[in-house]
Amino acid sequence: MTAESEPTSVLSGREASRPGVARRTVLIGAAWSLPVVAVAVATPAAAASTAALGRFVIETMQGGTWVNPDYYGASLQLRNDDTQAASLPVADITSGTVTVTFALADAGTLAPVVIANAGGSSPTVPALPNTDPTWTAAGVSDNGDGTVTYTLAYAGSLPGQGVTHVTFGILGPTPLHSGVSVTVTSTGSPTDGFVHTRTATLF
């Protein structure tokens, strides 16, 4: 399995609280605070694929805060990067996962991420790209080593050079911490076994 890691910054907004507003009420009507800053573009890995397979690459990361100040917020764009494939066209990526890992001390009560713009009761986030309806919250786990990992799942059909977006909120402490270091990984199937890893800081 090949891996790639690049440092990145995700800028996150405010930590001010809103007294007197119930969490459930705010979450249902949540929106992204402004401004939101786009951060990074991924570079393809050097190793070549041995088949007509792409890679589930984290192409850009954006950050902001939920209206509810208890939530960290992030938005990812992922691409089926075919630039390292041995032949074209590459197979569509039909499933994938994204994990977000950071210190347990920076997390609130452990709960799955809240997917934005995904329909149903999920919050609307007009300031960022809508989440493709193929994304779901896949759970959260205490890793037993002082870190916690949140998992998001993709199920769709992403052709070579196609992109998919997911915007989500993670419950944090009150108030949110700043300078939180996070590690984000992405894997897809079918792909050449490549695992993309990015590091970021939530301010």
N, C-alpha and C. Protein backbone atom coordinates (compact mmCIF):
# COMPACT_ATOMS: atom_id res chain seq x y z
N MET A 1 0.83 -1.17 0.00
CA MET A 1 0.00 0.00 0.00
C MET A 1 0.88 1.24 0.00
N THR A 2 0.57 2.20 -0.86
CA THR A 2 1.35 3.44 -0.91
C THR A 2 0.63 4.49 -0.09
N ALA A 3 1.37 5.38 0.51
CA ALA A 3 0.73 6.44 1.28
C ALA A 3 1.38 7.76 0.96
N GLU A 4 0.62 8.83 1.13
CA GLU A 4 1.14 10.16 0.87
C GLU A 4 0.69 11.06 2.00
N SER A 5 1.60 11.87 2.52
CA SER A 5 1.23 12.77 3.61
C SER A 5 1.75 14.15 3.30
N GLU A 6 0.88 15.15 3.46
CA GLU A 6 1.27 16.53 3.21
C GLU A 6 0.71 17.42 4.30
N PRO A 7 1.52 18.38 4.81
CA PRO A 7 1.00 19.32 5.80
C PRO A 7 0.06 20.31 5.14
N THR A 8 -0.94 20.72 5.88
CA THR A 8 -1.94 21.64 5.36
C THR A 8 -2.55 22.42 6.50
N SER A 9 -3.17 23.53 6.23
CA SER A 9 -3.90 24.27 7.25
C SER A 9 -5.36 24.35 6.87
N VAL A 10 -6.25 24.07 7.82
CA VAL A 10 -7.66 24.31 7.63
C VAL A 10 -8.03 25.41 8.60
N LEU A 11 -8.53 26.51 8.11
CA LEU A 11 -8.84 27.64 8.96
C LEU A 11 -10.26 27.52 9.45
N SER A 12 -10.43 27.56 10.76
CA SER A 12 -11.74 27.43 11.34
C SER A 12 -12.07 28.71 12.10
N GLY A 13 -13.34 29.08 12.10
CA GLY A 13 -13.74 30.40 12.56
C GLY A 13 -13.87 30.61 14.03
N ARG A 14 -15.10 30.80 14.55
CA ARG A 14 -15.26 31.38 15.85
C ARG A 14 -15.50 30.38 16.94
N GLU A 15 -15.25 30.82 18.15
CA GLU A 15 -15.46 29.97 19.31
C GLU A 15 -16.48 30.59 20.25
N ALA A 16 -17.12 31.69 19.85
CA ALA A 16 -18.08 32.36 20.72
C ALA A 16 -19.31 31.50 20.89
N SER A 17 -19.96 31.57 22.04
CA SER A 17 -21.15 30.76 22.29
C SER A 17 -22.39 31.58 22.03
N ARG A 18 -23.52 30.89 21.90
CA ARG A 18 -24.81 31.52 21.75
C ARG A 18 -25.68 31.08 22.91
N PRO A 19 -25.74 31.85 23.99
CA PRO A 19 -26.50 31.43 25.17
C PRO A 19 -27.98 31.33 24.86
N GLY A 20 -28.61 30.38 25.54
CA GLY A 20 -30.05 30.28 25.48
C GLY A 20 -30.61 29.56 24.27
N VAL A 21 -29.74 28.97 23.45
CA VAL A 21 -30.24 28.25 22.28
C VAL A 21 -29.95 26.77 22.46
N ALA A 22 -30.99 25.96 22.39
CA ALA A 22 -30.82 24.53 22.60
C ALA A 22 -30.02 23.91 21.48
N ARG A 23 -29.16 22.92 21.81
CA ARG A 23 -28.32 22.28 20.79
C ARG A 23 -29.16 21.68 19.69
N ARG A 24 -30.22 20.96 20.04
CA ARG A 24 -31.02 20.30 19.02
C ARG A 24 -31.63 21.33 18.07
N THR A 25 -32.14 22.42 18.60
CA THR A 25 -32.75 23.46 17.78
C THR A 25 -31.74 24.05 16.81
N VAL A 26 -30.56 24.37 17.30
CA VAL A 26 -29.55 25.00 16.46
C VAL A 26 -29.04 24.04 15.40
N LEU A 27 -28.84 22.78 15.78
CA LEU A 27 -28.30 21.80 14.85
C LEU A 27 -29.21 21.62 13.64
N ILE A 28 -30.50 21.57 13.88
CA ILE A 28 -31.43 21.35 12.78
C ILE A 28 -31.37 22.50 11.79
N GLY A 29 -31.22 23.71 12.27
CA GLY A 29 -31.18 24.86 11.38
C GLY A 29 -29.78 25.37 11.15
N ALA A 30 -28.78 24.51 11.33
CA ALA A 30 -27.40 24.98 11.30
C ALA A 30 -26.99 25.47 9.92
N ALA A 31 -26.08 26.44 9.92
CA ALA A 31 -25.50 26.93 8.67
C ALA A 31 -24.03 27.23 8.92
N TRP A 32 -23.28 27.33 7.84
CA TRP A 32 -21.85 27.56 7.97
C TRP A 32 -21.58 29.03 8.24
N SER A 33 -20.67 29.33 9.16
CA SER A 33 -20.33 30.72 9.41
C SER A 33 -19.34 31.21 8.36
N LEU A 34 -19.30 32.50 8.14
CA LEU A 34 -18.40 33.09 7.15
C LEU A 34 -17.31 33.87 7.86
N PRO A 35 -16.13 34.09 7.29
CA PRO A 35 -15.77 33.57 5.98
C PRO A 35 -15.25 32.14 6.05
N VAL A 36 -15.21 31.48 4.92
CA VAL A 36 -14.65 30.14 4.81
C VAL A 36 -13.44 30.24 3.90
N VAL A 37 -12.35 29.58 4.28
CA VAL A 37 -11.10 29.74 3.53
C VAL A 37 -10.73 28.42 2.88
N ALA A 38 -10.56 28.43 1.56
CA ALA A 38 -10.08 27.24 0.86
C ALA A 38 -8.60 27.09 1.13
N VAL A 39 -8.14 25.83 1.25
CA VAL A 39 -6.79 25.66 1.74
C VAL A 39 -5.81 25.01 0.79
N ALA A 40 -6.05 23.81 0.33
CA ALA A 40 -4.95 23.07 -0.30
C ALA A 40 -5.39 22.28 -1.50
N VAL A 41 -4.44 21.97 -2.36
CA VAL A 41 -4.66 21.08 -3.49
C VAL A 41 -3.64 19.95 -3.41
N ALA A 42 -4.11 18.73 -3.55
CA ALA A 42 -3.22 17.58 -3.42
C ALA A 42 -2.35 17.41 -4.65
N THR A 43 -1.18 16.82 -4.44
CA THR A 43 -0.30 16.49 -5.56
C THR A 43 -0.31 14.99 -5.74
N PRO A 44 -0.31 14.49 -6.99
CA PRO A 44 -0.32 13.04 -7.19
C PRO A 44 0.94 12.39 -6.63
N ALA A 45 0.81 11.16 -6.16
CA ALA A 45 1.97 10.43 -5.66
C ALA A 45 2.84 9.99 -6.83
N ALA A 46 4.09 9.67 -6.53
CA ALA A 46 5.04 9.36 -7.59
C ALA A 46 4.89 7.94 -8.12
N ALA A 47 4.49 7.01 -7.28
CA ALA A 47 4.43 5.61 -7.71
C ALA A 47 3.32 5.40 -8.72
N ALA A 48 3.60 4.62 -9.75
CA ALA A 48 2.63 4.39 -10.82
C ALA A 48 1.74 3.21 -10.49
N SER A 49 0.50 3.30 -10.93
CA SER A 49 -0.44 2.19 -10.78
C SER A 49 -0.09 1.10 -11.80
N THR A 50 -0.46 -0.13 -11.47
CA THR A 50 -0.18 -1.23 -12.39
C THR A 50 -1.42 -1.64 -13.18
N ALA A 51 -2.53 -0.91 -13.01
CA ALA A 51 -3.76 -1.28 -13.71
C ALA A 51 -4.54 -0.02 -14.02
N ALA A 52 -5.69 -0.20 -14.68
CA ALA A 52 -6.54 0.94 -15.02
C ALA A 52 -7.38 1.32 -13.82
N LEU A 53 -6.70 1.72 -12.75
CA LEU A 53 -7.36 2.06 -11.49
C LEU A 53 -6.95 3.46 -11.07
N GLY A 54 -7.92 4.20 -10.51
CA GLY A 54 -7.64 5.54 -10.02
C GLY A 54 -7.32 5.53 -8.54
N ARG A 55 -7.32 6.74 -7.97
CA ARG A 55 -7.00 6.92 -6.55
C ARG A 55 -7.98 7.91 -5.95
N PHE A 56 -8.45 7.61 -4.74
CA PHE A 56 -9.41 8.46 -4.04
C PHE A 56 -8.60 9.50 -3.28
N VAL A 57 -8.34 10.64 -3.92
CA VAL A 57 -7.40 11.64 -3.42
C VAL A 57 -8.14 12.82 -2.79
N ILE A 58 -7.69 13.24 -1.61
CA ILE A 58 -8.23 14.44 -0.97
C ILE A 58 -7.64 15.63 -1.72
N GLU A 59 -8.46 16.30 -2.51
CA GLU A 59 -7.95 17.35 -3.37
C GLU A 59 -7.94 18.71 -2.68
N THR A 60 -9.02 19.07 -1.99
CA THR A 60 -9.06 20.32 -1.26
C THR A 60 -9.73 20.11 0.09
N MET A 61 -9.36 20.95 1.05
CA MET A 61 -10.00 20.96 2.36
C MET A 61 -10.34 22.40 2.70
N GLN A 62 -11.54 22.59 3.24
CA GLN A 62 -11.97 23.91 3.67
C GLN A 62 -12.45 23.82 5.10
N GLY A 63 -12.42 24.94 5.82
CA GLY A 63 -12.85 24.91 7.21
C GLY A 63 -13.72 26.09 7.56
N GLY A 64 -14.49 25.92 8.59
CA GLY A 64 -15.35 26.97 9.12
C GLY A 64 -15.94 26.46 10.41
N THR A 65 -16.88 27.18 10.99
CA THR A 65 -17.54 26.66 12.18
C THR A 65 -19.04 26.62 11.97
N TRP A 66 -19.67 25.66 12.61
CA TRP A 66 -21.11 25.57 12.60
C TRP A 66 -21.68 26.78 13.34
N VAL A 67 -22.92 27.14 13.06
CA VAL A 67 -23.59 28.18 13.85
C VAL A 67 -23.60 27.77 15.31
N ASN A 68 -23.85 26.49 15.56
CA ASN A 68 -23.74 25.97 16.91
C ASN A 68 -22.26 25.92 17.28
N PRO A 69 -21.80 26.68 18.27
CA PRO A 69 -20.37 26.77 18.56
C PRO A 69 -19.77 25.50 19.15
N ASP A 70 -20.58 24.46 19.37
CA ASP A 70 -20.07 23.20 19.89
C ASP A 70 -19.46 22.33 18.80
N TYR A 71 -19.56 22.74 17.53
CA TYR A 71 -19.15 21.88 16.43
C TYR A 71 -17.96 22.44 15.66
N TYR A 72 -16.96 21.56 15.42
CA TYR A 72 -15.95 21.85 14.41
C TYR A 72 -16.61 21.61 13.05
N GLY A 73 -16.13 22.28 12.02
CA GLY A 73 -16.69 22.05 10.69
C GLY A 73 -15.60 21.87 9.66
N ALA A 74 -15.86 21.08 8.63
CA ALA A 74 -14.90 20.88 7.55
C ALA A 74 -15.64 20.47 6.28
N SER A 75 -15.02 20.74 5.15
CA SER A 75 -15.56 20.34 3.86
C SER A 75 -14.42 19.81 3.00
N LEU A 76 -14.62 18.67 2.37
CA LEU A 76 -13.59 18.03 1.56
C LEU A 76 -14.06 17.86 0.13
N GLN A 77 -13.13 18.01 -0.79
CA GLN A 77 -13.36 17.60 -2.18
C GLN A 77 -12.39 16.48 -2.49
N LEU A 78 -12.91 15.36 -2.99
CA LEU A 78 -12.08 14.21 -3.35
C LEU A 78 -12.21 13.94 -4.84
N ARG A 79 -11.13 13.47 -5.44
CA ARG A 79 -11.10 13.20 -6.88
C ARG A 79 -10.64 11.77 -7.14
N ASN A 80 -11.22 11.15 -8.17
CA ASN A 80 -10.70 9.88 -8.67
C ASN A 80 -9.54 10.25 -9.60
N ASP A 81 -8.34 10.31 -9.04
CA ASP A 81 -7.16 10.79 -9.76
C ASP A 81 -6.60 9.65 -10.62
N ASP A 82 -6.67 9.83 -11.94
CA ASP A 82 -6.20 8.78 -12.84
C ASP A 82 -4.81 9.06 -13.42
N THR A 83 -4.12 10.06 -12.88
CA THR A 83 -2.85 10.48 -13.49
C THR A 83 -1.73 9.45 -13.31
N GLN A 84 -1.88 8.52 -12.38
CA GLN A 84 -0.86 7.49 -12.18
C GLN A 84 -1.27 6.14 -12.75
N ALA A 85 -2.42 6.08 -13.42
CA ALA A 85 -2.91 4.80 -13.95
C ALA A 85 -2.08 4.36 -15.14
N ALA A 86 -1.94 3.05 -15.28
CA ALA A 86 -1.16 2.50 -16.39
C ALA A 86 -1.92 2.63 -17.71
N SER A 87 -3.24 2.65 -17.66
CA SER A 87 -4.03 2.80 -18.88
C SER A 87 -5.34 3.50 -18.54
N LEU A 88 -5.97 4.07 -19.58
CA LEU A 88 -7.21 4.81 -19.40
C LEU A 88 -8.29 4.23 -20.31
N PRO A 89 -9.57 4.38 -19.99
CA PRO A 89 -10.08 5.02 -18.79
C PRO A 89 -9.95 4.13 -17.57
N VAL A 90 -9.97 4.73 -16.38
CA VAL A 90 -9.88 3.95 -15.15
C VAL A 90 -11.28 3.51 -14.72
N ALA A 91 -11.32 2.50 -13.87
CA ALA A 91 -12.59 2.03 -13.32
C ALA A 91 -13.18 3.09 -12.39
N ASP A 92 -14.50 3.17 -12.35
CA ASP A 92 -15.17 4.07 -11.42
C ASP A 92 -14.89 3.62 -9.98
N ILE A 93 -14.67 4.57 -9.09
CA ILE A 93 -14.63 4.27 -7.66
C ILE A 93 -16.07 4.18 -7.17
N THR A 94 -16.43 3.06 -6.59
CA THR A 94 -17.82 2.85 -6.18
C THR A 94 -18.03 2.89 -4.67
N SER A 95 -16.96 2.84 -3.91
CA SER A 95 -17.08 2.98 -2.46
C SER A 95 -15.79 3.54 -1.91
N GLY A 96 -15.88 4.17 -0.75
CA GLY A 96 -14.68 4.73 -0.14
C GLY A 96 -14.95 5.19 1.27
N THR A 97 -13.88 5.47 1.98
CA THR A 97 -14.00 6.00 3.33
C THR A 97 -13.05 7.17 3.52
N VAL A 98 -13.46 8.08 4.37
CA VAL A 98 -12.61 9.16 4.85
C VAL A 98 -12.59 9.06 6.37
N THR A 99 -11.41 9.16 6.95
CA THR A 99 -11.31 9.18 8.41
C THR A 99 -10.68 10.49 8.85
N VAL A 100 -11.15 11.00 9.98
CA VAL A 100 -10.60 12.21 10.58
C VAL A 100 -10.20 11.86 12.01
N THR A 101 -8.91 12.00 12.32
CA THR A 101 -8.39 11.58 13.63
C THR A 101 -7.74 12.76 14.32
N PHE A 102 -8.06 12.95 15.60
CA PHE A 102 -7.38 13.96 16.40
C PHE A 102 -7.44 13.58 17.87
N ALA A 103 -6.85 14.40 18.72
CA ALA A 103 -6.72 14.06 20.14
C ALA A 103 -8.08 13.96 20.80
N LEU A 104 -8.26 12.93 21.63
CA LEU A 104 -9.50 12.75 22.37
C LEU A 104 -9.78 13.96 23.25
N ALA A 105 -8.72 14.60 23.75
CA ALA A 105 -8.90 15.78 24.61
C ALA A 105 -9.54 16.95 23.88
N ASP A 106 -9.47 16.95 22.55
CA ASP A 106 -10.06 18.03 21.75
C ASP A 106 -11.47 17.70 21.28
N ALA A 107 -11.96 16.51 21.62
CA ALA A 107 -13.29 16.08 21.19
C ALA A 107 -14.30 16.35 22.29
N GLY A 108 -15.56 16.46 21.89
CA GLY A 108 -16.65 16.52 22.85
C GLY A 108 -17.16 15.11 23.10
N THR A 109 -18.44 15.00 23.49
CA THR A 109 -19.06 13.69 23.63
C THR A 109 -18.98 12.98 22.28
N LEU A 110 -18.54 11.72 22.29
CA LEU A 110 -18.33 11.01 21.02
C LEU A 110 -19.67 10.70 20.34
N ALA A 111 -19.79 11.22 19.12
CA ALA A 111 -20.99 11.01 18.31
C ALA A 111 -20.56 11.08 16.86
N PRO A 112 -21.24 10.35 15.96
CA PRO A 112 -20.87 10.41 14.54
C PRO A 112 -20.94 11.84 14.01
N VAL A 113 -20.23 12.11 12.92
CA VAL A 113 -20.28 13.44 12.31
C VAL A 113 -21.71 13.73 11.86
N VAL A 114 -22.01 15.00 11.70
CA VAL A 114 -23.28 15.42 11.13
C VAL A 114 -23.00 15.82 9.69
N ILE A 115 -23.64 15.13 8.74
CA ILE A 115 -23.45 15.41 7.32
C ILE A 115 -24.33 16.60 6.92
N ALA A 116 -23.75 17.57 6.26
CA ALA A 116 -24.51 18.74 5.82
C ALA A 116 -25.00 18.56 4.39
N ASN A 117 -26.14 19.18 4.08
CA ASN A 117 -26.68 19.21 2.72
C ASN A 117 -26.96 17.82 2.15
N ALA A 118 -27.21 16.86 3.00
CA ALA A 118 -27.40 15.49 2.51
C ALA A 118 -28.87 15.08 2.52
N GLY A 119 -29.76 16.03 2.74
CA GLY A 119 -31.19 15.71 2.75
C GLY A 119 -31.69 15.39 4.14
N GLY A 120 -32.99 15.14 4.25
CA GLY A 120 -33.58 14.84 5.55
C GLY A 120 -33.42 16.02 6.50
N SER A 121 -32.99 15.73 7.71
CA SER A 121 -32.85 16.79 8.72
C SER A 121 -31.44 17.37 8.76
N SER A 122 -30.58 17.02 7.81
CA SER A 122 -29.22 17.53 7.82
C SER A 122 -29.22 19.03 7.53
N PRO A 123 -28.30 19.78 8.15
CA PRO A 123 -28.32 21.23 8.01
C PRO A 123 -27.92 21.69 6.61
N THR A 124 -28.42 22.84 6.23
CA THR A 124 -28.08 23.45 4.94
C THR A 124 -26.86 24.34 5.12
N VAL A 125 -25.89 24.22 4.22
CA VAL A 125 -24.65 24.99 4.32
C VAL A 125 -24.42 25.71 3.00
N PRO A 126 -25.07 26.86 2.79
CA PRO A 126 -25.00 27.52 1.49
C PRO A 126 -23.62 28.08 1.16
N ALA A 127 -22.75 28.28 2.15
CA ALA A 127 -21.45 28.89 1.89
C ALA A 127 -20.44 27.91 1.30
N LEU A 128 -20.73 26.61 1.32
CA LEU A 128 -19.80 25.61 0.84
C LEU A 128 -20.50 24.68 -0.15
N PRO A 129 -19.72 23.93 -0.93
CA PRO A 129 -20.36 22.98 -1.86
C PRO A 129 -21.26 22.00 -1.13
N ASN A 130 -22.39 21.69 -1.73
CA ASN A 130 -23.29 20.70 -1.14
C ASN A 130 -22.63 19.33 -1.08
N THR A 131 -22.97 18.59 -0.06
CA THR A 131 -22.52 17.20 0.04
C THR A 131 -23.27 16.36 -0.99
N ASP A 132 -22.51 15.53 -1.72
CA ASP A 132 -23.17 14.59 -2.61
C ASP A 132 -24.00 13.62 -1.77
N PRO A 133 -25.18 13.23 -2.23
CA PRO A 133 -26.06 12.38 -1.42
C PRO A 133 -25.53 10.98 -1.19
N THR A 134 -24.34 10.69 -1.72
CA THR A 134 -23.75 9.37 -1.59
C THR A 134 -22.94 9.22 -0.30
N TRP A 135 -22.83 10.28 0.53
CA TRP A 135 -22.04 10.24 1.75
C TRP A 135 -22.91 10.00 2.98
N THR A 136 -22.39 9.19 3.90
CA THR A 136 -23.07 8.95 5.18
C THR A 136 -22.06 8.98 6.31
N ALA A 137 -22.56 9.21 7.53
CA ALA A 137 -21.72 9.14 8.72
C ALA A 137 -21.58 7.67 9.10
N ALA A 138 -20.34 7.19 9.21
CA ALA A 138 -20.12 5.76 9.44
C ALA A 138 -19.67 5.44 10.86
N GLY A 139 -19.65 6.40 11.76
CA GLY A 139 -19.33 6.08 13.14
C GLY A 139 -18.13 6.83 13.67
N VAL A 140 -17.87 6.61 14.96
CA VAL A 140 -16.76 7.25 15.66
C VAL A 140 -16.19 6.25 16.64
N SER A 141 -14.86 6.29 16.84
CA SER A 141 -14.27 5.33 17.78
C SER A 141 -13.16 5.98 18.60
N ASP A 142 -13.14 5.63 19.88
CA ASP A 142 -12.04 5.98 20.77
C ASP A 142 -10.96 4.94 20.50
N ASN A 143 -9.79 5.37 20.06
CA ASN A 143 -8.74 4.43 19.66
C ASN A 143 -7.96 3.85 20.83
N GLY A 144 -8.24 4.32 22.04
CA GLY A 144 -7.57 3.79 23.22
C GLY A 144 -6.15 4.28 23.40
N ASP A 145 -5.71 5.23 22.55
CA ASP A 145 -4.35 5.75 22.65
C ASP A 145 -4.35 7.27 22.79
N GLY A 146 -5.49 7.80 23.25
CA GLY A 146 -5.60 9.25 23.39
C GLY A 146 -6.08 9.95 22.14
N THR A 147 -6.49 9.18 21.11
CA THR A 147 -7.02 9.78 19.90
C THR A 147 -8.41 9.24 19.61
N VAL A 148 -9.13 9.95 18.77
CA VAL A 148 -10.48 9.56 18.36
C VAL A 148 -10.56 9.67 16.85
N THR A 149 -11.29 8.73 16.21
CA THR A 149 -11.42 8.72 14.75
C THR A 149 -12.88 8.74 14.34
N TYR A 150 -13.20 9.68 13.44
CA TYR A 150 -14.53 9.80 12.85
C TYR A 150 -14.46 9.27 11.43
N THR A 151 -15.45 8.49 11.02
CA THR A 151 -15.44 7.87 9.71
C THR A 151 -16.63 8.33 8.89
N LEU A 152 -16.36 8.65 7.62
CA LEU A 152 -17.41 9.00 6.66
C LEU A 152 -17.32 8.00 5.51
N ALA A 153 -18.46 7.59 4.98
CA ALA A 153 -18.49 6.56 3.94
C ALA A 153 -19.08 7.11 2.64
N TYR A 154 -18.44 6.73 1.53
CA TYR A 154 -18.91 7.10 0.19
C TYR A 154 -19.41 5.85 -0.52
N ALA A 155 -20.54 5.97 -1.21
CA ALA A 155 -21.05 4.89 -2.05
C ALA A 155 -21.71 5.52 -3.26
N GLY A 156 -21.08 5.38 -4.41
CA GLY A 156 -21.61 6.02 -5.61
C GLY A 156 -20.92 5.48 -6.84
N SER A 157 -20.60 6.38 -7.78
CA SER A 157 -19.88 5.99 -8.99
C SER A 157 -19.07 7.19 -9.46
N LEU A 158 -17.78 7.17 -9.14
CA LEU A 158 -16.91 8.31 -9.41
C LEU A 158 -15.93 7.95 -10.52
N PRO A 159 -16.12 8.49 -11.73
CA PRO A 159 -15.25 8.14 -12.85
C PRO A 159 -13.89 8.82 -12.73
N GLY A 160 -12.97 8.47 -13.61
CA GLY A 160 -11.66 9.11 -13.63
C GLY A 160 -11.78 10.62 -13.75
N GLN A 161 -11.08 11.34 -12.89
CA GLN A 161 -11.10 12.80 -12.79
C GLN A 161 -12.43 13.36 -12.31
N GLY A 162 -13.34 12.49 -11.89
CA GLY A 162 -14.58 12.97 -11.26
C GLY A 162 -14.31 13.41 -9.84
N VAL A 163 -15.15 14.32 -9.32
CA VAL A 163 -14.98 14.81 -7.95
C VAL A 163 -16.25 14.57 -7.15
N THR A 164 -16.08 14.48 -5.84
CA THR A 164 -17.20 14.36 -4.91
C THR A 164 -16.92 15.25 -3.71
N HIS A 165 -17.98 15.80 -3.11
CA HIS A 165 -17.84 16.73 -1.99
C HIS A 165 -18.57 16.18 -0.76
N VAL A 166 -17.98 16.44 0.41
CA VAL A 166 -18.66 16.13 1.67
C VAL A 166 -18.35 17.24 2.67
N THR A 167 -19.40 17.77 3.29
CA THR A 167 -19.29 18.81 4.31
C THR A 167 -19.91 18.25 5.58
N PHE A 168 -19.22 18.45 6.71
CA PHE A 168 -19.66 17.78 7.94
C PHE A 168 -19.25 18.58 9.18
N GLY A 169 -19.94 18.29 10.28
CA GLY A 169 -19.62 18.89 11.57
C GLY A 169 -19.28 17.81 12.58
N ILE A 170 -18.31 18.12 13.47
CA ILE A 170 -17.90 17.19 14.52
C ILE A 170 -18.12 17.86 15.87
N LEU A 171 -18.83 17.18 16.76
CA LEU A 171 -19.11 17.72 18.09
C LEU A 171 -17.82 17.85 18.88
N GLY A 172 -17.53 19.06 19.36
CA GLY A 172 -16.33 19.30 20.15
C GLY A 172 -16.69 19.74 21.55
N PRO A 173 -15.69 20.20 22.32
CA PRO A 173 -15.96 20.71 23.65
C PRO A 173 -16.57 22.11 23.57
N THR A 174 -17.02 22.63 24.70
CA THR A 174 -17.54 23.99 24.76
C THR A 174 -16.69 24.82 25.71
N PRO A 175 -15.98 25.86 25.22
CA PRO A 175 -15.92 26.27 23.82
C PRO A 175 -14.99 25.35 23.03
N LEU A 176 -15.05 25.45 21.69
CA LEU A 176 -14.16 24.66 20.85
C LEU A 176 -12.71 25.03 21.13
N HIS A 177 -11.83 24.06 20.99
CA HIS A 177 -10.40 24.33 21.10
C HIS A 177 -9.89 24.91 19.79
N SER A 178 -8.76 25.61 19.84
CA SER A 178 -8.15 26.12 18.62
C SER A 178 -6.78 25.46 18.45
N GLY A 179 -6.23 25.51 17.23
CA GLY A 179 -4.94 24.89 16.97
C GLY A 179 -4.99 23.38 17.07
N VAL A 180 -6.13 22.79 16.69
CA VAL A 180 -6.32 21.34 16.80
C VAL A 180 -5.70 20.66 15.58
N SER A 181 -4.73 19.78 15.82
CA SER A 181 -4.08 19.05 14.73
C SER A 181 -4.90 17.81 14.37
N VAL A 182 -5.22 17.65 13.09
CA VAL A 182 -6.01 16.52 12.63
C VAL A 182 -5.30 15.79 11.49
N THR A 183 -5.56 14.50 11.38
CA THR A 183 -5.06 13.69 10.27
C THR A 183 -6.27 13.16 9.51
N VAL A 184 -6.30 13.40 8.20
CA VAL A 184 -7.41 12.97 7.35
C VAL A 184 -6.88 11.97 6.34
N THR A 185 -7.55 10.83 6.21
CA THR A 185 -7.13 9.83 5.23
C THR A 185 -8.31 9.48 4.32
N SER A 186 -7.99 9.03 3.11
CA SER A 186 -9.04 8.57 2.19
C SER A 186 -8.59 7.29 1.50
N THR A 187 -9.52 6.37 1.35
CA THR A 187 -9.29 5.13 0.61
C THR A 187 -10.53 4.87 -0.25
N GLY A 188 -10.33 4.23 -1.39
CA GLY A 188 -11.46 3.94 -2.27
C GLY A 188 -11.36 2.55 -2.85
N SER A 189 -12.46 2.12 -3.49
CA SER A 189 -12.49 0.80 -4.11
C SER A 189 -13.37 0.86 -5.36
N PRO A 190 -12.94 0.29 -6.50
CA PRO A 190 -11.61 -0.32 -6.67
C PRO A 190 -10.56 0.76 -6.94
N THR A 191 -9.41 0.65 -6.27
CA THR A 191 -8.27 1.51 -6.54
C THR A 191 -7.01 0.66 -6.47
N ASP A 192 -5.86 1.29 -6.65
CA ASP A 192 -4.61 0.54 -6.67
C ASP A 192 -4.00 0.32 -5.30
N GLY A 193 -4.79 0.50 -4.24
CA GLY A 193 -4.29 0.29 -2.88
C GLY A 193 -3.73 1.54 -2.25
N PHE A 194 -3.80 2.65 -2.95
CA PHE A 194 -3.27 3.92 -2.46
C PHE A 194 -4.12 4.45 -1.31
N VAL A 195 -3.46 4.92 -0.25
CA VAL A 195 -4.13 5.59 0.87
C VAL A 195 -3.59 7.01 0.93
N HIS A 196 -4.47 7.98 0.78
CA HIS A 196 -4.04 9.37 0.81
C HIS A 196 -4.19 9.91 2.24
N THR A 197 -3.14 10.57 2.74
CA THR A 197 -3.15 11.13 4.09
C THR A 197 -2.80 12.60 4.04
N ARG A 198 -3.58 13.41 4.72
CA ARG A 198 -3.31 14.83 4.84
C ARG A 198 -3.35 15.20 6.32
N THR A 199 -2.52 16.19 6.69
CA THR A 199 -2.61 16.74 8.04
C THR A 199 -3.12 18.16 7.95
N ALA A 200 -3.81 18.61 8.98
CA ALA A 200 -4.40 19.94 8.97
C ALA A 200 -4.46 20.47 10.39
N THR A 201 -4.67 21.76 10.51
CA THR A 201 -4.84 22.40 11.81
C THR A 201 -6.17 23.15 11.81
N LEU A 202 -7.01 22.87 12.79
CA LEU A 202 -8.25 23.62 12.97
C LEU A 202 -7.96 24.77 13.92
N PHE A 203 -8.13 25.99 13.45
CA PHE A 203 -7.83 27.16 14.27
C PHE A 203 -9.06 27.63 15.02
